[in-house]
Amino acid sequence: MSRIAGWVMLLLVLVVSYRPAEAAQAQKSRVAVLRPEGRQADALRRVLTQELGKKGRGREVLPAKKVDAQVKLIRGGPKTDAQRRALAKKLGADVLILSSVKGTKRWDIVVRAYSGEDGTLLAEERWDVRTNRAFPDVRRELEPRLGAALKVDPEESLPPAAVTPPTPVPEPEVAPSAPVAEAPRPALVAPPPPTVQKEEPPVQPEPKTAAPRTLDGPILEALLSGQGLFRRFNFSGTNANELPDYSLNSAAAASLSLSYFPLSHVTDGVIHNLGLVARGSRTFGLSTRLPDGSKYDSTAQLLEGGLRFRLPLRWLEVSVGALYGTHSFAVELPPESTFALPDVDYRFAHAELGLRKALTERWAIAARVGYQHVLSGGELSSDDYIPKLRGSGLDGEFAVEFALTRVLGLRLGGEMRSYSFTADVEEGAPVFAGGAKDLYFSGQLGLSLRL
């Protein structure tokens, strides 16, 4: 009887000691590695997944497809603590890993670990390494530098101390008639002495840093450029052959373009992509030579401003704009001049669509098309020329950009604007001209700033 009781107690001890070991095996921190920012995103993600998910490190790295599917549901990616907390809850993740790789000659790598419980920053590490898709420096240093921050709560992760089974004691020889006394349970399964754990000093929370703006554009864009300007103006329709044309083969101008998104300072929602845009250009040293050989000072100026909304996608940025502008061209002719060239001062409402695509880390292309509804034409719409004038315009721009640094770059491109006008008069009525066409073309080279 005592032998049976001994085997039963030994079996109970083995069961009790096995369950904590099984619980310890199941207690793993679940890590979600989000797709990094940059051209080498896939290579960096592969390295992070392999290193963080190595056997024996007590972690489980969630499948990339599962992570990407949930990230797509968050417009612009998780940027706030609340968004990261919600994402971690849906994935069942204890830690979120956000990272980026940028640069050309050398790669600047940033890896951030965020808590899945409250979305706050746990740790941030940076590497400035040579270009190598294997990322040997990151592989070697990731665990020593970031591993401590990825551990779950020590009270939850440490399994209880295993109970050492008692050493079998030989059965004492007693007389058959003597009753067998059962050993008290505490004597057979003695609890281990309590382990005193050293309390670790509280970790001072690091200052929160903004998550990488995976799909965001710059807050401020500026372009200062020099231009070469060309113009062709001619009347059309009735009496057009009797009226002189105007040709400007070359003129120097300076232009400035600004786009500012002030709401990016106060919100991460879609509304932060709504901004202000202003553009302007003006010629300098321009003069017009008439057929008789005389020269007169001339001025060409363009000013427009309004609202712009952009939609930054992963590989393409789309923008739409609504602006109001003026475009003037004036020649300071003397009052006695008989040259029939009106000064124009177009006032228009402008709608435009823009695209920008990054080809590499340094090269990008940009394009823009627009439509102008002309509200007035200055002297051209006076009683001396085309009093009942209706007009519209089209414009287009194409440019190539080269990044000198992360914020500065060069931009080379060309822009075309074409205005068409007709006289809104009854058929057969005497008119100065049936219409007019005004064409501008400019090539530009400038310095761009993106912050």
Foldseek 3Di string as FASTA:
>chain_A
DVVVVVVVVLVVLVVVLVVLVVLLLVQAAEEEEAQEAFPLRVLVSVLVCPLVPDPPLRYHYDDHVVLVVLQVVPAQGDWDQVSLLVSCVVVVGQKYWYKYWADDQWIKIKIWIAGNNRRFTQDIDIDTGGDDSNPVVCSVCVCVRPVVSRDDDPVSNDGPDRFDFDDDDDDDDDDPVDDDDDDDPCVRRPDDDDDDDDDDPDDDDDDGDTGDRQQDFFQKKKWKWKKWKWKKKFFDAPCRVVADIDTDPTFIKIKMKMWGQVCVVPDPDQSSQKIKIKMKMKTPPDWGADPVGDIFDKIWMKIKMFMKGWGGDNFKIKMKTKMWMWIWIDTPDDPVDPRPDDTWIWTWIKIKIKMKGAPHSFKIKIKMKMKTFTPDTHRCCDPVAQVQKGKMKIKMKIWMWTDPDPFKIKIWIKMKMKMKMARPDDPPDDHNGGIMIMIMMMIIIIMMGGD
